[in-house]
Amino acid sequence: MTIYRAADLKKALIGALAADAPIRVDLSRVTELDTAGVQLLVLARHIADDRKKELVFLAPSEAVRAVLQLLNLDRQLGTR
């Protein structure tokens, strides 16, 4: 989840958040996470919260876990 994929991922996440179903995002295969990726996760969390939608980030890879813990965002984003 880097700046090189952020636009495509944003479109997919925003589209998913427009649907009625709960959203589950599997982060287990993410090998890189930069600030663009972090911003995307935070944006998705804010949109989901504003719309009172269930959004769960599942199985964060070690790369994701390390960045989110460094930024103190793991609890805020509700990663499992």
N, C-alpha and C. Protein backbone atom coordinates (compact mmCIF):
# COMPACT_ATOMS: atom_id res chain seq x y z
N MET A 1 0.85 -1.16 0.00
CA MET A 1 0.00 0.00 0.00
C MET A 1 0.90 1.23 0.00
N THR A 2 1.25 1.62 -1.19
CA THR A 2 2.14 2.76 -1.34
C THR A 2 1.50 3.80 -2.25
N ILE A 3 2.16 4.90 -2.39
CA ILE A 3 1.66 5.99 -3.22
C ILE A 3 1.39 5.53 -4.66
N TYR A 4 2.10 4.51 -5.09
CA TYR A 4 1.95 4.02 -6.46
C TYR A 4 0.62 3.31 -6.68
N ARG A 5 0.00 2.84 -5.62
CA ARG A 5 -1.28 2.13 -5.72
C ARG A 5 -2.41 2.86 -5.02
N ALA A 6 -2.11 3.96 -4.37
CA ALA A 6 -3.09 4.64 -3.51
C ALA A 6 -4.36 5.05 -4.25
N ALA A 7 -4.24 5.57 -5.45
CA ALA A 7 -5.43 6.04 -6.18
C ALA A 7 -6.37 4.87 -6.49
N ASP A 8 -5.82 3.76 -6.95
CA ASP A 8 -6.65 2.59 -7.26
C ASP A 8 -7.28 2.02 -5.99
N LEU A 9 -6.49 1.93 -4.94
CA LEU A 9 -7.00 1.40 -3.69
C LEU A 9 -8.06 2.30 -3.07
N LYS A 10 -7.87 3.60 -3.20
CA LYS A 10 -8.85 4.55 -2.67
C LYS A 10 -10.18 4.37 -3.38
N LYS A 11 -10.14 4.26 -4.69
CA LYS A 11 -11.36 4.07 -5.46
C LYS A 11 -12.09 2.79 -5.02
N ALA A 12 -11.35 1.72 -4.83
CA ALA A 12 -11.94 0.44 -4.42
C ALA A 12 -12.54 0.54 -3.01
N LEU A 13 -11.81 1.14 -2.10
CA LEU A 13 -12.30 1.26 -0.72
C LEU A 13 -13.52 2.16 -0.61
N ILE A 14 -13.48 3.29 -1.28
CA ILE A 14 -14.61 4.22 -1.24
C ILE A 14 -15.84 3.56 -1.86
N GLY A 15 -15.62 2.83 -2.95
CA GLY A 15 -16.73 2.11 -3.57
C GLY A 15 -17.32 1.06 -2.63
N ALA A 16 -16.47 0.34 -1.96
CA ALA A 16 -16.94 -0.68 -1.02
C ALA A 16 -17.70 -0.04 0.14
N LEU A 17 -17.27 1.11 0.57
CA LEU A 17 -17.93 1.78 1.68
C LEU A 17 -19.30 2.34 1.29
N ALA A 18 -19.56 2.45 0.00
CA ALA A 18 -20.86 2.92 -0.46
C ALA A 18 -21.91 1.80 -0.42
N ALA A 19 -21.46 0.56 -0.37
CA ALA A 19 -22.38 -0.58 -0.33
C ALA A 19 -22.96 -0.75 1.07
N ASP A 20 -23.98 -1.58 1.18
CA ASP A 20 -24.64 -1.80 2.47
C ASP A 20 -23.92 -2.80 3.36
N ALA A 21 -23.13 -3.67 2.79
CA ALA A 21 -22.51 -4.76 3.54
C ALA A 21 -21.34 -4.27 4.40
N PRO A 22 -21.07 -4.98 5.49
CA PRO A 22 -19.87 -4.68 6.28
C PRO A 22 -18.62 -4.88 5.41
N ILE A 23 -17.58 -4.15 5.71
CA ILE A 23 -16.35 -4.21 4.93
C ILE A 23 -15.26 -4.89 5.76
N ARG A 24 -14.60 -5.84 5.16
CA ARG A 24 -13.47 -6.53 5.78
C ARG A 24 -12.28 -6.36 4.83
N VAL A 25 -11.20 -5.81 5.34
CA VAL A 25 -10.00 -5.58 4.53
C VAL A 25 -8.88 -6.47 5.07
N ASP A 26 -8.47 -7.42 4.27
CA ASP A 26 -7.41 -8.35 4.64
C ASP A 26 -6.05 -7.69 4.34
N LEU A 27 -5.29 -7.44 5.37
CA LEU A 27 -3.99 -6.78 5.22
C LEU A 27 -2.82 -7.75 5.34
N SER A 28 -3.10 -9.04 5.31
CA SER A 28 -2.07 -10.05 5.56
C SER A 28 -1.00 -10.11 4.48
N ARG A 29 -1.31 -9.69 3.27
CA ARG A 29 -0.33 -9.79 2.18
C ARG A 29 0.31 -8.45 1.81
N VAL A 30 0.08 -7.44 2.63
CA VAL A 30 0.69 -6.13 2.39
C VAL A 30 2.15 -6.19 2.79
N THR A 31 3.04 -5.91 1.83
CA THR A 31 4.48 -5.97 2.10
C THR A 31 5.09 -4.60 2.34
N GLU A 32 4.39 -3.55 1.89
CA GLU A 32 4.87 -2.18 2.09
C GLU A 32 3.70 -1.29 2.45
N LEU A 33 3.95 -0.36 3.35
CA LEU A 33 2.94 0.62 3.75
C LEU A 33 3.65 1.94 3.96
N ASP A 34 3.33 2.92 3.11
CA ASP A 34 3.92 4.25 3.28
C ASP A 34 2.85 5.22 3.76
N THR A 35 3.18 6.50 3.81
CA THR A 35 2.24 7.47 4.35
C THR A 35 0.97 7.57 3.52
N ALA A 36 1.05 7.36 2.22
CA ALA A 36 -0.15 7.37 1.38
C ALA A 36 -1.07 6.21 1.78
N GLY A 37 -0.50 5.06 2.05
CA GLY A 37 -1.29 3.92 2.49
C GLY A 37 -1.91 4.15 3.85
N VAL A 38 -1.15 4.74 4.75
CA VAL A 38 -1.67 5.07 6.09
C VAL A 38 -2.82 6.06 5.97
N GLN A 39 -2.64 7.08 5.15
CA GLN A 39 -3.70 8.07 4.94
C GLN A 39 -4.96 7.42 4.40
N LEU A 40 -4.80 6.47 3.53
CA LEU A 40 -5.94 5.76 2.96
C LEU A 40 -6.68 4.96 4.03
N LEU A 41 -5.96 4.27 4.89
CA LEU A 41 -6.59 3.52 5.97
C LEU A 41 -7.32 4.45 6.93
N VAL A 42 -6.71 5.57 7.26
CA VAL A 42 -7.34 6.54 8.17
C VAL A 42 -8.59 7.14 7.52
N LEU A 43 -8.50 7.47 6.23
CA LEU A 43 -9.66 8.01 5.51
C LEU A 43 -10.81 7.01 5.51
N ALA A 44 -10.50 5.77 5.21
CA ALA A 44 -11.54 4.74 5.19
C ALA A 44 -12.19 4.60 6.57
N ARG A 45 -11.38 4.63 7.63
CA ARG A 45 -11.92 4.55 8.99
C ARG A 45 -12.86 5.72 9.26
N HIS A 46 -12.46 6.94 8.88
CA HIS A 46 -13.29 8.12 9.12
C HIS A 46 -14.61 8.04 8.35
N ILE A 47 -14.53 7.64 7.09
CA ILE A 47 -15.75 7.52 6.28
C ILE A 47 -16.67 6.46 6.88
N ALA A 48 -16.12 5.32 7.24
CA ALA A 48 -16.93 4.26 7.84
C ALA A 48 -17.58 4.73 9.13
N ASP A 49 -16.82 5.41 9.96
CA ASP A 49 -17.38 5.90 11.22
C ASP A 49 -18.48 6.93 10.96
N ASP A 50 -18.25 7.84 10.02
CA ASP A 50 -19.25 8.86 9.70
C ASP A 50 -20.55 8.23 9.18
N ARG A 51 -20.40 7.16 8.41
CA ARG A 51 -21.57 6.49 7.82
C ARG A 51 -22.11 5.37 8.71
N LYS A 52 -21.48 5.21 9.87
CA LYS A 52 -21.86 4.15 10.81
C LYS A 52 -21.84 2.78 10.14
N LYS A 53 -20.76 2.55 9.40
CA LYS A 53 -20.57 1.29 8.69
C LYS A 53 -19.51 0.47 9.41
N GLU A 54 -19.67 -0.84 9.36
CA GLU A 54 -18.67 -1.72 9.95
C GLU A 54 -17.50 -1.86 8.99
N LEU A 55 -16.31 -1.52 9.47
CA LEU A 55 -15.07 -1.66 8.70
C LEU A 55 -14.05 -2.31 9.61
N VAL A 56 -13.54 -3.46 9.18
CA VAL A 56 -12.57 -4.20 9.97
C VAL A 56 -11.33 -4.44 9.13
N PHE A 57 -10.19 -4.09 9.68
CA PHE A 57 -8.90 -4.38 9.05
C PHE A 57 -8.38 -5.67 9.68
N LEU A 58 -8.28 -6.72 8.88
CA LEU A 58 -7.93 -8.04 9.38
C LEU A 58 -6.48 -8.42 9.11
N ALA A 59 -5.93 -9.20 10.01
CA ALA A 59 -4.63 -9.88 9.84
C ALA A 59 -3.53 -8.97 9.28
N PRO A 60 -3.24 -7.87 9.94
CA PRO A 60 -2.19 -7.01 9.41
C PRO A 60 -0.84 -7.73 9.34
N SER A 61 -0.18 -7.58 8.22
CA SER A 61 1.15 -8.17 8.07
C SER A 61 2.12 -7.49 9.03
N GLU A 62 3.29 -8.04 9.16
CA GLU A 62 4.30 -7.44 10.03
C GLU A 62 4.64 -6.03 9.57
N ALA A 63 4.68 -5.81 8.27
CA ALA A 63 4.97 -4.46 7.73
C ALA A 63 3.89 -3.47 8.16
N VAL A 64 2.65 -3.87 8.05
CA VAL A 64 1.54 -3.00 8.44
C VAL A 64 1.55 -2.77 9.94
N ARG A 65 1.69 -3.84 10.68
CA ARG A 65 1.70 -3.75 12.15
C ARG A 65 2.80 -2.80 12.64
N ALA A 66 3.99 -2.91 12.08
CA ALA A 66 5.12 -2.08 12.51
C ALA A 66 4.84 -0.60 12.28
N VAL A 67 4.31 -0.27 11.10
CA VAL A 67 4.03 1.15 10.80
C VAL A 67 2.92 1.67 11.68
N LEU A 68 1.84 0.91 11.82
CA LEU A 68 0.72 1.38 12.63
C LEU A 68 1.08 1.53 14.10
N GLN A 69 1.90 0.62 14.60
CA GLN A 69 2.35 0.74 15.99
C GLN A 69 3.28 1.94 16.16
N LEU A 70 4.16 2.16 15.20
CA LEU A 70 5.06 3.30 15.25
C LEU A 70 4.28 4.61 15.31
N LEU A 71 3.20 4.68 14.55
CA LEU A 71 2.38 5.89 14.49
C LEU A 71 1.27 5.91 15.53
N ASN A 72 1.21 4.86 16.34
CA ASN A 72 0.19 4.75 17.38
C ASN A 72 -1.23 4.74 16.80
N LEU A 73 -1.38 4.08 15.66
CA LEU A 73 -2.67 4.03 14.98
C LEU A 73 -3.32 2.65 15.02
N ASP A 74 -2.65 1.66 15.53
CA ASP A 74 -3.19 0.31 15.50
C ASP A 74 -4.51 0.20 16.24
N ARG A 75 -4.63 0.82 17.37
CA ARG A 75 -5.89 0.77 18.14
C ARG A 75 -6.95 1.64 17.50
N GLN A 76 -6.57 2.81 17.01
CA GLN A 76 -7.52 3.73 16.39
C GLN A 76 -8.16 3.11 15.15
N LEU A 77 -7.36 2.38 14.37
CA LEU A 77 -7.89 1.77 13.16
C LEU A 77 -8.59 0.46 13.44
N GLY A 78 -8.39 -0.10 14.62
CA GLY A 78 -9.08 -1.32 14.99
C GLY A 78 -8.59 -2.53 14.22
N THR A 79 -7.29 -2.65 14.04
CA THR A 79 -6.76 -3.80 13.34
C THR A 79 -6.87 -5.03 14.21
N ARG A 80 -7.15 -6.17 13.59
CA ARG A 80 -7.29 -7.43 14.32
C ARG A 80 -6.31 -8.44 13.81
